[in-house]
Amino acid sequence: MPSRVALVGVGRMGTPLCGRFVTAGHAVTAFDLRPEREEAVRTLGADWASSVTAAAAGADVLVTVVPGPDEAEAALRDAVFSVLASGAVWIDMTSNAPAVAEVLRERARAHGVDVLEAPVGGSPDDAEQGRLRLFVGGSPEVLDRYRPLLEAVTTSDRISHMGGPGTGYTTKLLINLLWFGQAAATAEALLLGRRAGIDLGVLRDTLADSAAGSDFIRRDLSALFAGNYLPSYGLDRIRDQLEVITGEARDLGTPHAIADTVLRLHRRALERFGPVNGELLAVALLEEVAGTLLRP
């Protein structure tokens, strides 16, 4: 059944998600702190609201796709949940911090609002093409009820139910931790190999087809070799996410020496380059220290 969807956040990921919901037949009302996003929203066939509360008024589904925990906490006041339709659900697609999300989850439940977390994996192009990965935490019954809505933005096989509340957020943060760690470890290996006289192209192909192969080597290394540091996400946001997941490791009492190393490297990169966009700027820092660029 078509739903009345309130969409909060129409940036690089929220905009294509808005289009997917509209195309699937849902009535979408969107809000973003940047009023200049209104034209793009209306072009997609959605309505525009002047505030989060105005967007949420009477909606069956509240979807948030904001940059991070601070923005989510600022946007989702009690008044927002209180104006949703009876039996509504809040679906958070933000890369949120589990501790912050727990506070917001309690706000929602106090107003009888169901909650699903569904942080996304993929690019804006993946969002536009309907091939995102969703890492869902929450009740399986609530997920079953809203699976058709989520299938507006991806296919059923790319919706992974990770467990109860918090597990979806943690899964997304773990994926990011491993990806940034693999990027740094691969860069160190390539810099060493180059200094030892191995051709970078040959080394890349050999590693890709070895026990050390990874999606980063097979898929993402070409961008780095072309001088593209993937300016799609802020270095300060990366630092924040790494701090959240290392903090969770400390709280749960699991080893985190490698995670701490990845975090320290990205803190150094942030000090060096500032809060600019670049998912591989930690690699740029390693190149700078080595005095050479990873270019074949």
Protein backbone atom coordinates (compact mmCIF):
# COMPACT_ATOMS: atom_id res chain seq x y z
CA MET A 1 0.00 0.00 0.00
CA PRO A 2 1.29 3.50 -0.76
CA SER A 3 2.46 5.34 2.33
CA ARG A 4 2.76 8.96 3.34
CA VAL A 5 6.50 9.30 3.77
CA ALA A 6 8.25 12.14 5.60
CA LEU A 7 11.85 12.26 4.39
CA VAL A 8 14.34 14.25 6.47
CA GLY A 9 17.63 14.85 4.66
CA VAL A 10 17.87 15.24 0.90
CA GLY A 11 21.60 15.34 0.32
CA ARG A 12 23.76 13.02 -1.75
CA MET A 13 21.93 9.89 -0.54
CA GLY A 14 18.56 11.31 0.44
CA THR A 15 17.88 12.83 -2.97
CA PRO A 16 17.98 9.58 -4.96
CA LEU A 17 16.06 7.84 -2.16
CA CYS A 18 13.38 10.51 -2.48
CA GLY A 19 13.08 9.75 -6.18
CA ARG A 20 12.84 6.00 -5.52
CA PHE A 21 10.02 6.45 -2.99
CA VAL A 22 8.08 8.71 -5.36
CA THR A 23 8.53 6.32 -8.28
CA ALA A 24 7.21 3.48 -6.10
CA GLY A 25 3.98 5.43 -5.63
CA HIS A 26 4.49 6.83 -2.12
CA ALA A 27 3.46 10.38 -1.25
CA VAL A 28 6.69 12.02 -0.08
CA THR A 29 7.12 15.24 1.85
CA ALA A 30 10.77 16.19 2.36
CA PHE A 31 12.73 18.59 4.50
CA ASP A 32 16.37 19.63 4.56
CA LEU A 33 18.15 22.39 6.44
CA ARG A 34 19.28 23.76 3.07
CA PRO A 35 16.28 25.52 1.47
CA GLU A 36 18.00 25.38 -1.91
CA ARG A 37 17.19 21.63 -1.98
CA GLU A 38 13.50 22.42 -2.48
CA GLU A 39 13.75 22.67 -6.26
CA ALA A 40 15.37 19.24 -6.57
CA VAL A 41 12.73 17.72 -4.28
CA ARG A 42 9.82 19.17 -6.24
CA THR A 43 11.42 18.12 -9.53
CA LEU A 44 11.33 14.53 -8.26
CA GLY A 45 7.59 14.83 -7.59
CA ALA A 46 7.75 15.20 -3.80
CA ASP A 47 6.38 18.00 -1.64
CA TRP A 48 8.53 20.33 0.44
CA ALA A 49 8.03 21.19 4.11
CA SER A 50 9.32 24.15 6.08
CA SER A 51 10.44 22.07 9.08
CA VAL A 52 10.93 18.51 10.28
CA THR A 53 7.69 18.69 12.26
CA ALA A 54 5.76 19.98 9.25
CA ALA A 55 7.11 17.16 7.10
CA ALA A 56 6.21 14.55 9.75
CA ALA A 57 2.64 15.77 10.33
CA GLY A 58 0.28 12.89 9.50
CA ALA A 59 2.99 10.73 7.92
CA ASP A 60 2.86 6.93 8.16
CA VAL A 61 6.63 6.63 7.75
CA LEU A 62 9.42 8.94 8.93
CA VAL A 63 12.71 8.31 7.10
CA THR A 64 15.88 10.08 8.22
CA VAL A 65 19.00 10.26 6.05
CA VAL A 66 21.11 12.87 7.80
CA PRO A 67 24.92 13.17 8.03
CA GLY A 68 25.40 11.76 11.51
CA PRO A 69 24.33 11.43 15.16
CA ASP A 70 24.42 15.14 15.99
CA GLU A 71 22.09 16.00 13.12
CA ALA A 72 19.73 13.15 13.98
CA GLU A 73 19.49 14.21 17.61
CA ALA A 74 18.89 17.84 16.67
CA ALA A 75 16.16 16.97 14.17
CA LEU A 76 14.15 14.40 16.10
CA ARG A 77 12.50 16.16 19.00
CA ASP A 78 9.44 14.80 20.81
CA ALA A 79 7.22 17.11 18.76
CA VAL A 80 8.24 15.31 15.57
CA PHE A 81 7.17 11.89 16.80
CA SER A 82 3.98 13.29 18.34
CA VAL A 83 2.58 14.49 15.00
CA LEU A 84 3.08 11.25 13.08
CA ALA A 85 0.03 9.17 12.16
CA SER A 86 -1.16 6.48 14.56
CA GLY A 87 0.85 3.28 14.05
CA ALA A 88 3.69 5.08 12.26
CA VAL A 89 7.28 3.89 11.99
CA TRP A 90 10.59 5.73 12.11
CA ILE A 91 13.22 4.27 9.75
CA ASP A 92 16.69 5.70 10.33
CA MET A 93 19.04 5.32 7.36
CA THR A 94 21.70 7.49 9.00
CA SER A 95 25.11 6.09 9.94
CA ASN A 96 24.13 6.76 13.52
CA ALA A 97 25.81 6.05 16.84
CA PRO A 98 24.03 3.28 18.77
CA ALA A 99 24.05 5.26 22.03
CA VAL A 100 22.50 8.36 20.43
CA ALA A 101 19.99 6.26 18.54
CA GLU A 102 18.85 4.58 21.77
CA VAL A 103 17.79 7.95 23.19
CA LEU A 104 15.88 8.76 19.99
CA ARG A 105 14.34 5.27 19.94
CA GLU A 106 12.91 5.87 23.41
CA ARG A 107 11.47 9.20 22.25
CA ALA A 108 9.75 7.46 19.36
CA ARG A 109 8.37 4.61 21.46
CA ALA A 110 6.97 7.07 24.01
CA HIS A 111 4.65 8.21 21.22
CA GLY A 112 3.78 4.70 20.03
CA VAL A 113 6.07 4.89 17.01
CA ASP A 114 7.79 1.70 15.81
CA VAL A 115 11.50 1.94 14.98
CA LEU A 116 13.79 0.34 12.42
CA GLU A 117 17.40 1.26 11.81
CA ALA A 118 18.56 0.69 8.26
CA PRO A 119 21.90 2.42 7.63
CA VAL A 120 22.89 2.12 4.01
CA GLY A 121 25.91 0.78 2.20
CA GLY A 122 26.70 2.02 -1.28
CA SER A 123 27.04 5.15 -3.36
CA PRO A 124 24.53 7.77 -4.58
CA ASP A 125 24.55 5.91 -7.91
CA ASP A 126 23.64 2.70 -6.06
CA ALA A 127 20.80 4.60 -4.39
CA GLU A 128 19.54 5.88 -7.73
CA GLN A 129 19.71 2.42 -9.30
CA GLY A 130 18.06 0.68 -6.34
CA ARG A 131 21.00 -1.48 -5.33
CA LEU A 132 21.92 -0.20 -1.87
CA ARG A 133 22.69 -2.56 1.00
CA LEU A 134 20.53 -2.04 4.08
CA PHE A 135 21.76 -3.24 7.47
CA VAL A 136 18.60 -3.50 9.53
CA GLY A 137 18.33 -3.60 13.30
CA GLY A 138 15.03 -3.96 15.09
CA SER A 139 12.00 -6.20 15.37
CA PRO A 140 11.69 -8.81 12.58
CA GLU A 141 7.93 -8.29 12.64
CA VAL A 142 8.31 -4.57 12.00
CA LEU A 143 10.81 -5.32 9.23
CA ASP A 144 8.38 -7.74 7.58
CA ARG A 145 5.66 -5.10 7.72
CA TYR A 146 7.80 -2.46 6.03
CA ARG A 147 9.88 -4.63 3.75
CA PRO A 148 7.78 -3.61 0.70
CA LEU A 149 8.59 0.04 1.45
CA LEU A 150 12.32 -0.73 1.75
CA GLU A 151 12.16 -2.62 -1.53
CA ALA A 152 11.45 0.71 -3.18
CA VAL A 153 15.13 1.53 -2.67
CA THR A 154 16.77 -1.88 -3.03
CA THR A 155 16.09 -5.54 -3.71
CA SER A 156 14.99 -7.96 -1.01
CA ASP A 157 18.24 -9.92 -1.10
CA ARG A 158 20.18 -6.75 -0.20
CA ILE A 159 18.20 -6.16 2.98
CA SER A 160 20.08 -7.86 5.84
CA HIS A 161 18.38 -8.21 9.22
CA MET A 162 21.30 -8.06 11.66
CA GLY A 163 19.37 -8.50 14.91
CA GLY A 164 17.87 -6.26 17.57
CA PRO A 165 18.25 -2.52 18.09
CA GLY A 166 21.78 -1.24 17.55
CA THR A 167 23.00 -4.15 15.45
CA GLY A 168 22.37 -2.42 12.12
CA TYR A 169 24.33 0.66 13.14
CA THR A 170 27.18 -1.45 14.50
CA THR A 171 27.31 -3.52 11.32
CA LYS A 172 27.66 -0.40 9.17
CA LEU A 173 30.38 0.98 11.44
CA LEU A 174 32.26 -2.34 11.37
CA ILE A 175 32.14 -2.38 7.57
CA ASN A 176 33.53 1.15 7.48
CA LEU A 177 36.25 0.26 9.99
CA LEU A 178 37.37 -2.71 7.91
CA TRP A 179 37.26 -0.76 4.63
CA PHE A 180 39.35 2.12 5.97
CA GLY A 181 41.70 -0.35 7.62
CA GLN A 182 42.09 -2.30 4.38
CA ALA A 183 42.77 0.93 2.49
CA ALA A 184 45.55 1.88 4.90
CA ALA A 185 47.09 -1.60 5.04
CA THR A 186 46.98 -1.91 1.23
CA ALA A 187 48.62 1.50 0.82
CA GLU A 188 51.42 0.56 3.20
CA ALA A 189 51.99 -2.69 1.31
CA LEU A 190 52.03 -0.95 -2.07
CA LEU A 191 54.41 1.76 -0.89
CA LEU A 192 56.75 -0.90 0.45
CA GLY A 193 56.47 -2.93 -2.74
CA ARG A 194 57.21 0.07 -4.89
CA ARG A 195 60.23 1.03 -2.77
CA ALA A 196 61.44 -2.58 -3.17
CA GLY A 197 61.28 -2.23 -6.96
CA ILE A 198 57.99 -3.98 -7.81
CA ASP A 199 55.83 -2.48 -10.54
CA LEU A 200 52.60 -1.21 -8.96
CA GLY A 201 50.35 -2.50 -11.70
CA VAL A 202 51.85 -5.97 -11.51
CA LEU A 203 51.66 -5.93 -7.71
CA ARG A 204 48.02 -4.83 -7.75
CA ASP A 205 47.02 -7.62 -10.16
CA THR A 206 48.97 -10.20 -8.19
CA LEU A 207 47.46 -9.17 -4.87
CA ALA A 208 43.96 -9.11 -6.33
CA ASP A 209 44.30 -12.75 -7.39
CA SER A 210 45.91 -13.93 -4.16
CA ALA A 211 44.83 -14.93 -0.67
CA ALA A 212 45.27 -11.24 0.23
CA GLY A 213 42.77 -10.11 -2.41
CA SER A 214 39.90 -7.86 -1.38
CA ASP A 215 37.14 -5.78 -2.93
CA PHE A 216 39.21 -2.71 -2.09
CA ILE A 217 42.10 -3.97 -4.23
CA ARG A 218 39.89 -5.26 -7.03
CA ARG A 219 37.43 -2.38 -7.18
CA ASP A 220 38.66 0.77 -5.43
CA LEU A 221 42.39 0.81 -6.06
CA SER A 222 41.94 2.03 -9.63
CA ALA A 223 40.56 5.32 -8.31
CA LEU A 224 43.59 5.81 -6.09
CA PHE A 225 45.95 4.98 -8.96
CA ALA A 226 44.19 7.73 -10.95
CA GLY A 227 44.74 10.27 -8.16
CA ASN A 228 41.10 10.13 -6.99
CA TYR A 229 40.84 10.15 -3.19
CA LEU A 230 37.05 9.59 -3.36
CA PRO A 231 35.75 13.03 -2.31
CA SER A 232 32.30 11.74 -1.41
CA TYR A 233 32.49 11.84 2.39
CA GLY A 234 34.07 14.14 4.93
CA LEU A 235 37.27 13.20 6.74
CA ASP A 236 35.81 14.58 9.97
CA ARG A 237 32.79 12.27 9.58
CA ILE A 238 35.11 9.31 9.05
CA ARG A 239 36.99 10.21 12.24
CA ASP A 240 33.70 10.45 14.14
CA GLN A 241 32.53 7.02 12.97
CA LEU A 242 35.84 5.40 13.86
CA GLU A 243 35.65 6.95 17.32
CA VAL A 244 32.17 5.51 17.82
CA ILE A 245 33.15 1.96 16.87
CA THR A 246 36.38 1.97 18.91
CA GLY A 247 34.41 3.34 21.83
CA GLU A 248 31.92 0.49 21.46
CA ALA A 249 34.82 -1.99 21.51
CA ARG A 250 36.09 -0.46 24.75
CA ASP A 251 32.62 -0.56 26.30
CA LEU A 252 32.11 -4.20 25.32
CA GLY A 253 35.59 -5.27 26.38
CA THR A 254 36.85 -6.58 23.04
CA PRO A 255 40.38 -6.07 21.63
CA HIS A 256 40.71 -2.95 19.50
CA ALA A 257 44.42 -2.33 18.93
CA ILE A 258 44.06 -2.39 15.14
CA ALA A 259 40.93 -0.24 15.26
CA ASP A 260 42.83 2.27 17.41
CA THR A 261 45.62 2.39 14.83
CA VAL A 262 43.14 3.10 12.03
CA LEU A 263 41.56 5.82 14.16
CA ARG A 264 44.91 7.45 14.96
CA LEU A 265 45.84 7.51 11.28
CA HIS A 266 42.61 9.26 10.35
CA ARG A 267 43.00 11.74 13.19
CA ARG A 268 46.43 12.60 11.80
CA ALA A 269 44.97 12.95 8.30
CA LEU A 270 42.27 15.27 9.65
CA GLU A 271 44.93 17.42 11.33
CA ARG A 272 46.89 17.53 8.08
CA PHE A 273 44.12 18.16 5.54
CA GLY A 274 41.23 19.54 7.60
CA PRO A 275 37.54 18.55 7.44
CA VAL A 276 37.46 18.12 3.67
CA ASN A 277 35.88 15.38 1.58
CA GLY A 278 38.07 12.41 0.78
CA GLU A 279 37.59 8.82 1.89
CA LEU A 280 41.19 7.97 0.97
CA LEU A 281 42.94 11.00 2.44
CA ALA A 282 44.58 8.80 5.08
CA VAL A 283 46.30 7.11 2.15
CA ALA A 284 47.33 10.53 0.87
CA LEU A 285 48.97 11.11 4.25
CA LEU A 286 50.89 7.81 3.95
CA GLU A 287 52.02 8.81 0.46
CA GLU A 288 53.23 12.13 1.80
CA VAL A 289 55.19 10.45 4.59
CA ALA A 290 56.72 8.02 2.07
CA GLY A 291 57.54 10.84 -0.37
CA THR A 292 55.90 9.08 -3.29
CA LEU A 293 52.49 8.76 -4.93
CA LEU A 294 50.79 5.46 -5.64
CA ARG A 295 50.57 5.91 -9.39
CA PRO A 296 51.55 3.11 -11.80
